[in-house]
Amino acid sequence: MSSIQSSIFGLILFFTLSLSAQKAYQKIYFKNSNLKEEGWQKNNQKVDYWKFYYNNGVLQKEGHFSQDKEIKYWYFYHKSGSKESEGHFVNGKKNKWWLFYDKSGILSRKSQFKNNQKSGYCFIYENGKIVKAEKFKAGQKIKEWTNMKSFRKENKISDFQ
């Protein structure tokens, strides 16, 4: 093979590999023609920002991916469109603080997660006020408080990080 043929072959190979690694914006639709999901793909894996929809067209969830796994901060919505929950993902698993809302979009619970399990504190809200606190370890409830004065007395603020 001559040096010109080698150069041409190398260029073709380079462009072929470059094209196969390109990011492409994908849109997938329900049978009723409503948008089901949209976002970026690279090497047949979800990457970067994605949105998912209910079949009625209402946004269901939105957030970032890396190699087909949820990462960073995500938002989830009820079919009515009000916020259902929001929180952090690390490698496709819930981590750190998560907020949960009732069907009216009012905060009902705030919980700490580690590797998809409640781990740490969970605060239950009614009418915008904390009415109960719970402590979890690896998904198991280990303590509960219904009196916030005793909760504050037994726990340090540094425990909530």
Protein backbone atom coordinates (compact mmCIF):
# COMPACT_ATOMS: atom_id res chain seq x y z
CA MET A 1 0.00 0.00 0.00
CA SER A 2 1.42 3.38 -0.98
CA SER A 3 1.76 6.24 1.46
CA ILE A 4 -1.12 8.09 -0.27
CA GLN A 5 -3.39 5.04 0.06
CA SER A 6 -2.36 4.67 3.71
CA SER A 7 -3.16 8.33 4.34
CA ILE A 8 -6.57 8.05 2.64
CA PHE A 9 -7.36 4.85 4.56
CA GLY A 10 -6.32 6.54 7.82
CA LEU A 11 -8.55 9.54 7.11
CA ILE A 12 -11.53 7.32 6.28
CA LEU A 13 -10.98 5.32 9.46
CA PHE A 14 -10.67 8.54 11.51
CA PHE A 15 -13.92 9.99 10.12
CA THR A 16 -15.77 6.70 10.59
CA LEU A 17 -14.70 6.48 14.24
CA SER A 18 -15.47 10.17 14.77
CA LEU A 19 -18.97 9.82 13.37
CA SER A 20 -19.73 6.75 15.46
CA ALA A 21 -18.80 8.66 18.63
CA GLN A 22 -20.89 11.74 17.75
CA LYS A 23 -23.61 12.93 20.05
CA ALA A 24 -27.08 13.01 18.55
CA TYR A 25 -30.31 14.52 19.85
CA GLN A 26 -33.03 11.85 20.04
CA LYS A 27 -36.81 12.20 20.14
CA ILE A 28 -39.03 9.17 20.76
CA TYR A 29 -42.82 9.30 20.42
CA PHE A 30 -45.82 7.43 21.81
CA LYS A 31 -48.22 5.71 19.35
CA ASN A 32 -50.55 8.71 19.80
CA SER A 33 -47.75 10.93 18.32
CA ASN A 34 -47.07 12.69 21.63
CA LEU A 35 -43.43 13.07 22.60
CA LYS A 36 -42.31 10.31 25.00
CA GLU A 37 -38.68 11.28 25.65
CA GLU A 38 -35.99 13.52 24.26
CA GLY A 39 -32.32 14.04 24.93
CA TRP A 40 -28.76 13.36 23.91
CA GLN A 41 -27.27 9.99 23.04
CA LYS A 42 -23.68 9.01 22.46
CA ASN A 43 -22.65 5.46 21.56
CA ASN A 44 -26.29 4.33 22.05
CA GLN A 45 -26.30 5.56 25.66
CA LYS A 46 -28.21 8.44 27.21
CA VAL A 47 -25.92 11.35 28.09
CA ASP A 48 -26.44 14.93 29.22
CA TYR A 49 -29.94 16.40 29.64
CA TRP A 50 -33.14 14.36 29.06
CA LYS A 51 -36.87 14.95 29.42
CA PHE A 52 -39.55 12.25 29.70
CA TYR A 53 -43.28 12.76 29.23
CA TYR A 54 -46.55 11.07 30.15
CA ASN A 55 -48.63 9.92 27.14
CA ASN A 56 -50.87 12.98 27.70
CA GLY A 57 -47.90 15.27 26.92
CA VAL A 58 -47.23 16.42 30.50
CA LEU A 59 -43.59 16.41 31.63
CA GLN A 60 -42.89 13.34 33.81
CA LYS A 61 -39.23 13.81 34.75
CA GLU A 62 -36.09 15.65 33.68
CA GLY A 63 -32.42 15.43 34.48
CA HIS A 64 -28.92 14.45 33.41
CA PHE A 65 -27.44 11.13 32.34
CA SER A 66 -23.92 9.79 32.04
CA GLN A 67 -23.52 6.46 30.24
CA ASP A 68 -27.22 5.58 30.64
CA LYS A 69 -27.24 6.32 34.41
CA GLU A 70 -29.00 9.21 36.12
CA ILE A 71 -26.62 11.77 37.61
CA LYS A 72 -26.87 15.21 39.19
CA TYR A 73 -30.17 16.85 40.15
CA TRP A 74 -33.51 15.49 38.83
CA TYR A 75 -37.12 16.67 38.91
CA PHE A 76 -40.19 14.39 38.84
CA TYR A 77 -43.78 15.52 38.20
CA HIS A 78 -47.31 14.21 38.84
CA LYS A 79 -49.56 13.62 35.80
CA SER A 80 -51.25 16.91 36.72
CA GLY A 81 -47.94 18.72 36.14
CA SER A 82 -47.23 19.62 39.78
CA LYS A 83 -43.85 18.66 41.22
CA GLU A 84 -43.71 15.16 42.77
CA SER A 85 -40.09 14.95 43.92
CA GLU A 86 -36.59 16.24 43.29
CA GLY A 87 -33.13 15.21 44.31
CA HIS A 88 -29.64 14.03 43.54
CA PHE A 89 -28.53 10.93 41.65
CA VAL A 90 -25.04 9.46 41.71
CA ASN A 91 -24.44 6.64 39.20
CA GLY A 92 -28.17 5.98 38.80
CA LYS A 93 -28.93 5.86 42.54
CA LYS A 94 -30.69 8.36 44.82
CA ASN A 95 -28.22 10.12 47.11
CA LYS A 96 -28.14 13.16 49.41
CA TRP A 97 -31.33 15.11 50.14
CA TRP A 98 -34.60 14.42 48.31
CA LEU A 99 -37.78 16.49 48.51
CA PHE A 100 -41.23 14.94 48.06
CA TYR A 101 -44.46 16.83 47.35
CA ASP A 102 -48.15 16.01 47.58
CA LYS A 103 -50.43 16.20 44.50
CA SER A 104 -50.89 19.95 45.09
CA GLY A 105 -47.12 20.50 44.89
CA ILE A 106 -46.73 21.21 48.62
CA LEU A 107 -43.66 19.84 50.40
CA SER A 108 -44.62 16.73 52.40
CA ARG A 109 -41.29 15.04 53.11
CA LYS A 110 -37.56 15.71 52.98
CA SER A 111 -35.30 12.64 53.18
CA GLN A 112 -31.62 11.76 52.99
CA PHE A 113 -30.63 8.88 50.73
CA LYS A 114 -27.51 6.83 50.16
CA ASN A 115 -27.34 4.28 47.33
CA ASN A 116 -31.12 4.36 46.73
CA GLN A 117 -32.02 3.78 50.40
CA LYS A 118 -33.13 6.18 53.10
CA SER A 119 -30.06 6.78 55.19
CA GLY A 120 -30.00 9.69 57.58
CA TYR A 121 -32.90 11.94 58.45
CA CYS A 122 -36.42 12.22 57.10
CA PHE A 123 -38.66 15.16 57.98
CA ILE A 124 -42.45 14.92 57.58
CA TYR A 125 -44.28 18.20 56.89
CA GLU A 126 -47.88 19.29 57.39
CA ASN A 127 -49.02 22.81 56.52
CA GLY A 128 -45.41 23.84 55.94
CA LYS A 129 -44.18 22.75 59.38
CA ILE A 130 -42.16 19.73 60.48
CA VAL A 131 -44.46 17.42 62.47
CA LYS A 132 -42.25 14.35 62.66
CA ALA A 133 -38.60 13.42 62.21
CA GLU A 134 -37.24 9.96 61.51
CA LYS A 135 -33.74 8.55 61.31
CA PHE A 136 -32.82 5.74 58.91
CA LYS A 137 -29.82 3.54 58.39
CA ALA A 138 -29.56 1.44 55.19
CA GLY A 139 -33.32 1.77 54.58
CA GLN A 140 -34.38 0.78 58.12
CA LYS A 141 -36.00 3.25 60.51
CA ILE A 142 -33.97 3.39 63.72
CA LYS A 143 -35.52 6.37 65.52
CA GLU A 144 -38.59 8.61 65.39
CA TRP A 145 -39.46 11.95 66.99
CA THR A 146 -42.86 13.63 67.11
CA ASN A 147 -41.64 16.36 69.47
CA MET A 148 -39.27 18.73 67.70
CA LYS A 149 -37.87 20.06 70.96
CA SER A 150 -36.58 16.60 71.89
CA PHE A 151 -35.35 16.11 68.33
CA ARG A 152 -33.27 19.32 68.46
CA LYS A 153 -31.93 18.36 71.87
CA GLU A 154 -30.72 14.93 70.67
CA ASN A 155 -29.26 15.98 67.30
CA LYS A 156 -26.61 18.39 66.06
CA ILE A 157 -27.03 20.60 62.99
CA SER A 158 -23.87 19.04 61.53
CA ASP A 159 -25.80 15.72 61.32
CA PHE A 160 -27.97 17.13 58.51
CA GLN A 161 -25.28 17.60 55.89
